[in-house]
Amino acid sequence: MMQYKIGNSPIHKILKHRRRKSSNSLYRQDISSFEGSEIYNQADAAGFIRLYGLPMRVRAMLEKGI
């Protein structure tokens, strides 16, 4: 970790990472991004957010007695 200082006060902490390669890696650059991909459709996000929030909406309804 590198630390930059002005006087005695640290202002930034930066972690440096080295690149690693593995023939057994599970990471693939071509499918890791949501941009320009045929795998993921951005329009799906709205449905996911609505579904993910369903338990909170149901609990709020129960608390209000609806």
PDB file of N, CA and C in Angstrom:
ATOM      1  N   MET A   1       0.844  -1.155   0.000  1.00  0.00           N
ATOM      2  CA  MET A   1       0.000   0.000   0.000  1.00  0.00           C
ATOM      3  C   MET A   1       0.898   1.229   0.000  1.00  0.00           C
ATOM      4  N   MET A   2       0.554   2.203  -0.830  1.00  0.00           N
ATOM      5  CA  MET A   2       1.305   3.450  -0.868  1.00  0.00           C
ATOM      6  C   MET A   2       0.505   4.519  -0.140  1.00  0.00           C
ATOM      7  N   GLN A   3       1.192   5.382   0.539  1.00  0.00           N
ATOM      8  CA  GLN A   3       0.518   6.439   1.274  1.00  0.00           C
ATOM      9  C   GLN A   3       1.187   7.761   0.931  1.00  0.00           C
ATOM     10  N   TYR A   4       0.381   8.722   0.505  1.00  0.00           N
ATOM     11  CA  TYR A   4       0.896  10.046   0.198  1.00  0.00           C
ATOM     12  C   TYR A   4       0.568  10.965   1.360  1.00  0.00           C
ATOM     13  N   LYS A   5       1.463  11.896   1.652  1.00  0.00           N
ATOM     14  CA  LYS A   5       1.252  12.774   2.800  1.00  0.00           C
ATOM     15  C   LYS A   5       1.465  14.230   2.419  1.00  0.00           C
ATOM     16  N   ILE A   6       0.712  15.086   3.098  1.00  0.00           N
ATOM     17  CA  ILE A   6       0.986  16.517   3.097  1.00  0.00           C
ATOM     18  C   ILE A   6       1.338  16.826   4.544  1.00  0.00           C
ATOM     19  N   GLY A   7       2.573  17.131   4.771  1.00  0.00           N
ATOM     20  CA  GLY A   7       3.027  17.294   6.159  1.00  0.00           C
ATOM     21  C   GLY A   7       2.934  15.960   6.864  1.00  0.00           C
ATOM     22  N   ASN A   8       2.199  15.908   7.956  1.00  0.00           N
ATOM     23  CA  ASN A   8       2.014  14.666   8.700  1.00  0.00           C
ATOM     24  C   ASN A   8       0.666  14.016   8.427  1.00  0.00           C
ATOM     25  N   SER A   9      -0.141  14.615   7.545  1.00  0.00           N
ATOM     26  CA  SER A   9      -1.499  14.115   7.295  1.00  0.00           C
ATOM     27  C   SER A   9      -1.549  13.254   6.036  1.00  0.00           C
ATOM     28  N   PRO A  10      -1.965  11.982   6.165  1.00  0.00           N
ATOM     29  CA  PRO A  10      -2.125  11.153   4.969  1.00  0.00           C
ATOM     30  C   PRO A  10      -3.339  11.628   4.169  1.00  0.00           C
ATOM     31  N   ILE A  11      -3.205  11.690   2.837  1.00  0.00           N
ATOM     32  CA  ILE A  11      -4.334  12.132   2.023  1.00  0.00           C
ATOM     33  C   ILE A  11      -4.870  11.040   1.101  1.00  0.00           C
ATOM     34  N   HIS A  12      -4.060  10.096   0.719  1.00  0.00           N
ATOM     35  CA  HIS A  12      -4.513   9.033  -0.178  1.00  0.00           C
ATOM     36  C   HIS A  12      -3.850   7.720   0.209  1.00  0.00           C
ATOM     37  N   LYS A  13      -4.604   6.671   0.083  1.00  0.00           N
ATOM     38  CA  LYS A  13      -4.040   5.336   0.219  1.00  0.00           C
ATOM     39  C   LYS A  13      -4.386   4.593  -1.062  1.00  0.00           C
ATOM     40  N   ILE A  14      -3.406   4.019  -1.700  1.00  0.00           N
ATOM     41  CA  ILE A  14      -3.602   3.349  -2.980  1.00  0.00           C
ATOM     42  C   ILE A  14      -3.071   1.928  -2.877  1.00  0.00           C
ATOM     43  N   LEU A  15      -3.889   0.970  -3.275  1.00  0.00           N
ATOM     44  CA  LEU A  15      -3.436  -0.418  -3.325  1.00  0.00           C
ATOM     45  C   LEU A  15      -2.948  -0.723  -4.726  1.00  0.00           C
ATOM     46  N   LYS A  16      -1.828  -1.367  -4.828  1.00  0.00           N
ATOM     47  CA  LYS A  16      -1.310  -1.779  -6.129  1.00  0.00           C
ATOM     48  C   LYS A  16      -1.541  -3.272  -6.295  1.00  0.00           C
ATOM     49  N   HIS A  17      -2.016  -3.652  -7.462  1.00  0.00           N
ATOM     50  CA  HIS A  17      -2.265  -5.056  -7.753  1.00  0.00           C
ATOM     51  C   HIS A  17      -1.439  -5.469  -8.966  1.00  0.00           C
ATOM     52  N   ARG A  18      -0.929  -6.644  -8.917  1.00  0.00           N
ATOM     53  CA  ARG A  18      -0.208  -7.190 -10.059  1.00  0.00           C
ATOM     54  C   ARG A  18      -1.143  -8.094 -10.833  1.00  0.00           C
ATOM     55  N   ARG A  19      -0.959  -8.135 -12.134  1.00  0.00           N
ATOM     56  CA  ARG A  19      -1.783  -9.016 -12.959  1.00  0.00           C
ATOM     57  C   ARG A  19      -1.305 -10.448 -12.824  1.00  0.00           C
ATOM     58  N   ARG A  20      -2.285 -11.335 -12.808  1.00  0.00           N
ATOM     59  CA  ARG A  20      -1.967 -12.753 -12.733  1.00  0.00           C
ATOM     60  C   ARG A  20      -2.712 -13.460 -13.834  1.00  0.00           C
ATOM     61  N   LYS A  21      -2.145 -14.529 -14.320  1.00  0.00           N
ATOM     62  CA  LYS A  21      -2.788 -15.339 -15.348  1.00  0.00           C
ATOM     63  C   LYS A  21      -2.852 -16.779 -14.876  1.00  0.00           C
ATOM     64  N   SER A  22      -3.937 -17.446 -15.278  1.00  0.00           N
ATOM     65  CA  SER A  22      -4.093 -18.846 -14.935  1.00  0.00           C
ATOM     66  C   SER A  22      -4.849 -19.541 -16.050  1.00  0.00           C
ATOM     67  N   SER A  23      -4.421 -20.717 -16.405  1.00  0.00           N
ATOM     68  CA  SER A  23      -5.141 -21.490 -17.423  1.00  0.00           C
ATOM     69  C   SER A  23      -6.442 -22.047 -16.856  1.00  0.00           C
ATOM     70  N   ASN A  24      -6.607 -22.008 -15.534  1.00  0.00           N
ATOM     71  CA  ASN A  24      -7.818 -22.508 -14.876  1.00  0.00           C
ATOM     72  C   ASN A  24      -8.734 -21.388 -14.381  1.00  0.00           C
ATOM     73  N   SER A  25      -8.531 -20.185 -14.865  1.00  0.00           N
ATOM     74  CA  SER A  25      -9.304 -19.041 -14.398  1.00  0.00           C
ATOM     75  C   SER A  25     -10.777 -19.168 -14.764  1.00  0.00           C
ATOM     76  N   LEU A  26     -11.655 -18.728 -13.854  1.00  0.00           N
ATOM     77  CA  LEU A  26     -13.093 -18.709 -14.115  1.00  0.00           C
ATOM     78  C   LEU A  26     -13.523 -17.380 -14.725  1.00  0.00           C
ATOM     79  N   TYR A  27     -12.648 -16.389 -14.727  1.00  0.00           N
ATOM     80  CA  TYR A  27     -12.956 -15.055 -15.230  1.00  0.00           C
ATOM     81  C   TYR A  27     -12.734 -15.001 -16.735  1.00  0.00           C
ATOM     82  N   ARG A  28     -13.718 -14.458 -17.430  1.00  0.00           N
ATOM     83  CA  ARG A  28     -13.577 -14.246 -18.876  1.00  0.00           C
ATOM     84  C   ARG A  28     -13.978 -12.817 -19.195  1.00  0.00           C
ATOM     85  N   GLN A  29     -13.069 -12.065 -19.780  1.00  0.00           N
ATOM     86  CA  GLN A  29     -13.308 -10.666 -20.115  1.00  0.00           C
ATOM     87  C   GLN A  29     -14.505 -10.512 -21.053  1.00  0.00           C
ATOM     88  N   ASP A  30     -14.671 -11.432 -21.994  1.00  0.00           N
ATOM     89  CA  ASP A  30     -15.740 -11.290 -22.989  1.00  0.00           C
ATOM     90  C   ASP A  30     -17.141 -11.438 -22.403  1.00  0.00           C
ATOM     91  N   ILE A  31     -17.285 -12.057 -21.227  1.00  0.00           N
ATOM     92  CA  ILE A  31     -18.614 -12.189 -20.628  1.00  0.00           C
ATOM     93  C   ILE A  31     -18.725 -11.484 -19.277  1.00  0.00           C
ATOM     94  N   SER A  32     -17.684 -10.777 -18.864  1.00  0.00           N
ATOM     95  CA  SER A  32     -17.710 -10.143 -17.546  1.00  0.00           C
ATOM     96  C   SER A  32     -18.320  -8.749 -17.561  1.00  0.00           C
ATOM     97  N   SER A  33     -18.485  -8.170 -18.725  1.00  0.00           N
ATOM     98  CA  SER A  33     -19.031  -6.822 -18.818  1.00  0.00           C
ATOM     99  C   SER A  33     -20.486  -6.862 -19.254  1.00  0.00           C
ATOM    100  N   PHE A  34     -21.279  -5.931 -18.727  1.00  0.00           N
ATOM    101  CA  PHE A  34     -22.680  -5.839 -19.114  1.00  0.00           C
ATOM    102  C   PHE A  34     -22.859  -4.939 -20.330  1.00  0.00           C
ATOM    103  N   GLU A  35     -21.818  -4.276 -20.767  1.00  0.00           N
ATOM    104  CA  GLU A  35     -21.910  -3.376 -21.905  1.00  0.00           C
ATOM    105  C   GLU A  35     -21.587  -4.119 -23.191  1.00  0.00           C
ATOM    106  N   GLY A  36     -22.368  -3.874 -24.205  1.00  0.00           N
ATOM    107  CA  GLY A  36     -22.105  -4.457 -25.515  1.00  0.00           C
ATOM    108  C   GLY A  36     -22.179  -5.968 -25.530  1.00  0.00           C
ATOM    109  N   SER A  37     -22.978  -6.532 -24.671  1.00  0.00           N
ATOM    110  CA  SER A  37     -23.061  -7.981 -24.561  1.00  0.00           C
ATOM    111  C   SER A  37     -24.434  -8.463 -24.982  1.00  0.00           C
ATOM    112  N   GLU A  38     -24.474  -9.623 -25.582  1.00  0.00           N
ATOM    113  CA  GLU A  38     -25.750 -10.236 -25.936  1.00  0.00           C
ATOM    114  C   GLU A  38     -26.275 -11.093 -24.781  1.00  0.00           C
ATOM    115  N   ILE A  39     -25.463 -11.293 -23.765  1.00  0.00           N
ATOM    116  CA  ILE A  39     -25.836 -12.126 -22.629  1.00  0.00           C
ATOM    117  C   ILE A  39     -26.808 -11.400 -21.710  1.00  0.00           C
ATOM    118  N   TYR A  40     -26.592 -10.099 -21.510  1.00  0.00           N
ATOM    119  CA  TYR A  40     -27.389  -9.333 -20.551  1.00  0.00           C
ATOM    120  C   TYR A  40     -28.102  -8.196 -21.261  1.00  0.00           C
ATOM    121  N   ASN A  41     -29.381  -8.044 -20.976  1.00  0.00           N
ATOM    122  CA  ASN A  41     -30.176  -6.959 -21.528  1.00  0.00           C
ATOM    123  C   ASN A  41     -30.437  -5.960 -20.402  1.00  0.00           C
ATOM    124  N   GLN A  42     -30.058  -4.701 -20.602  1.00  0.00           N
ATOM    125  CA  GLN A  42     -30.227  -3.682 -19.565  1.00  0.00           C
ATOM    126  C   GLN A  42     -31.686  -3.532 -19.145  1.00  0.00           C
ATOM    127  N   ALA A  43     -32.622  -3.832 -20.035  1.00  0.00           N
ATOM    128  CA  ALA A  43     -34.049  -3.725 -19.710  1.00  0.00           C
ATOM    129  C   ALA A  43     -34.445  -4.723 -18.618  1.00  0.00           C
ATOM    130  N   ASP A  44     -33.671  -5.780 -18.439  1.00  0.00           N
ATOM    131  CA  ASP A  44     -33.957  -6.770 -17.393  1.00  0.00           C
ATOM    132  C   ASP A  44     -33.756  -6.195 -15.990  1.00  0.00           C
ATOM    133  N   ALA A  45     -32.963  -5.144 -15.873  1.00  0.00           N
ATOM    134  CA  ALA A  45     -32.640  -4.585 -14.558  1.00  0.00           C
ATOM    135  C   ALA A  45     -33.893  -4.120 -13.819  1.00  0.00           C
ATOM    136  N   ALA A  46     -34.814  -3.479 -14.525  1.00  0.00           N
ATOM    137  CA  ALA A  46     -36.029  -2.975 -13.866  1.00  0.00           C
ATOM    138  C   ALA A  46     -36.822  -4.123 -13.239  1.00  0.00           C
ATOM    139  N   GLY A  47     -36.971  -5.215 -13.946  1.00  0.00           N
ATOM    140  CA  GLY A  47     -37.687  -6.374 -13.407  1.00  0.00           C
ATOM    141  C   GLY A  47     -36.966  -6.991 -12.229  1.00  0.00           C
ATOM    142  N   PHE A  48     -35.652  -7.050 -12.320  1.00  0.00           N
ATOM    143  CA  PHE A  48     -34.865  -7.610 -11.219  1.00  0.00           C
ATOM    144  C   PHE A  48     -35.010  -6.757  -9.968  1.00  0.00           C
ATOM    145  N   ILE A  49     -34.917  -5.448 -10.135  1.00  0.00           N
ATOM    146  CA  ILE A  49     -35.033  -4.543  -8.986  1.00  0.00           C
ATOM    147  C   ILE A  49     -36.412  -4.675  -8.355  1.00  0.00           C
ATOM    148  N   ARG A  50     -37.437  -4.758  -9.188  1.00  0.00           N
ATOM    149  CA  ARG A  50     -38.807  -4.898  -8.676  1.00  0.00           C
ATOM    150  C   ARG A  50     -38.968  -6.227  -7.925  1.00  0.00           C
ATOM    151  N   LEU A  51     -38.445  -7.301  -8.481  1.00  0.00           N
ATOM    152  CA  LEU A  51     -38.535  -8.611  -7.842  1.00  0.00           C
ATOM    153  C   LEU A  51     -37.719  -8.651  -6.551  1.00  0.00           C
ATOM    154  N   TYR A  52     -36.528  -8.082  -6.578  1.00  0.00           N
ATOM    155  CA  TYR A  52     -35.662  -8.071  -5.406  1.00  0.00           C
ATOM    156  C   TYR A  52     -36.294  -7.285  -4.256  1.00  0.00           C
ATOM    157  N   GLY A  53     -37.050  -6.244  -4.581  1.00  0.00           N
ATOM    158  CA  GLY A  53     -37.685  -5.423  -3.560  1.00  0.00           C
ATOM    159  C   GLY A  53     -39.026  -5.950  -3.076  1.00  0.00           C
ATOM    160  N   LEU A  54     -39.519  -7.037  -3.670  1.00  0.00           N
ATOM    161  CA  LEU A  54     -40.830  -7.583  -3.318  1.00  0.00           C
ATOM    162  C   LEU A  54     -40.977  -7.912  -1.828  1.00  0.00           C
ATOM    163  N   PRO A  55     -40.041  -8.589  -1.196  1.00  0.00           N
ATOM    164  CA  PRO A  55     -40.204  -8.885   0.236  1.00  0.00           C
ATOM    165  C   PRO A  55     -40.366  -7.626   1.090  1.00  0.00           C
ATOM    166  N   MET A  56     -39.667  -6.563   0.736  1.00  0.00           N
ATOM    167  CA  MET A  56     -39.799  -5.322   1.503  1.00  0.00           C
ATOM    168  C   MET A  56     -41.172  -4.696   1.305  1.00  0.00           C
ATOM    169  N   ARG A  57     -41.691  -4.746   0.085  1.00  0.00           N
ATOM    170  CA  ARG A  57     -43.025  -4.200  -0.170  1.00  0.00           C
ATOM    171  C   ARG A  57     -44.097  -5.010   0.557  1.00  0.00           C
ATOM    172  N   VAL A  58     -43.964  -6.336   0.557  1.00  0.00           N
ATOM    173  CA  VAL A  58     -44.936  -7.194   1.244  1.00  0.00           C
ATOM    174  C   VAL A  58     -44.912  -6.917   2.746  1.00  0.00           C
ATOM    175  N   ARG A  59     -43.715  -6.787   3.315  1.00  0.00           N
ATOM    176  CA  ARG A  59     -43.620  -6.504   4.752  1.00  0.00           C
ATOM    177  C   ARG A  59     -44.260  -5.159   5.089  1.00  0.00           C
ATOM    178  N   ALA A  60     -44.017  -4.156   4.250  1.00  0.00           N
ATOM    179  CA  ALA A  60     -44.619  -2.841   4.485  1.00  0.00           C
ATOM    180  C   ALA A  60     -46.139  -2.931   4.433  1.00  0.00           C
ATOM    181  N   MET A  61     -46.655  -3.721   3.496  1.00  0.00           N
ATOM    182  CA  MET A  61     -48.112  -3.898   3.398  1.00  0.00           C
ATOM    183  C   MET A  61     -48.657  -4.573   4.654  1.00  0.00           C
ATOM    184  N   LEU A  62     -47.963  -5.591   5.139  1.00  0.00           N
ATOM    185  CA  LEU A  62     -48.407  -6.302   6.339  1.00  0.00           C
ATOM    186  C   LEU A  62     -48.380  -5.395   7.567  1.00  0.00           C
ATOM    187  N   GLU A  63     -47.348  -4.565   7.659  1.00  0.00           N
ATOM    188  CA  GLU A  63     -47.243  -3.655   8.799  1.00  0.00           C
ATOM    189  C   GLU A  63     -48.340  -2.595   8.774  1.00  0.00           C
ATOM    190  N   LYS A  64     -48.770  -2.206   7.567  1.00  0.00           N
ATOM    191  CA  LYS A  64     -49.841  -1.215   7.432  1.00  0.00           C
ATOM    192  C   LYS A  64     -51.221  -1.858   7.546  1.00  0.00           C
ATOM    193  N   GLY A  65     -51.267  -3.187   7.549  1.00  0.00           N
ATOM    194  CA  GLY A  65     -52.535  -3.895   7.652  1.00  0.00           C
ATOM    195  C   GLY A  65     -53.301  -3.963   6.345  1.00  0.00           C
ATOM    196  N   ILE A  66     -52.588  -3.882   5.254  1.00  0.00           N
ATOM    197  CA  ILE A  66     -53.229  -3.942   3.928  1.00  0.00           C
ATOM    198  C   ILE A  66     -53.420  -5.385   3.503  1.00  0.00           C
TER     199      ILE A  66
END
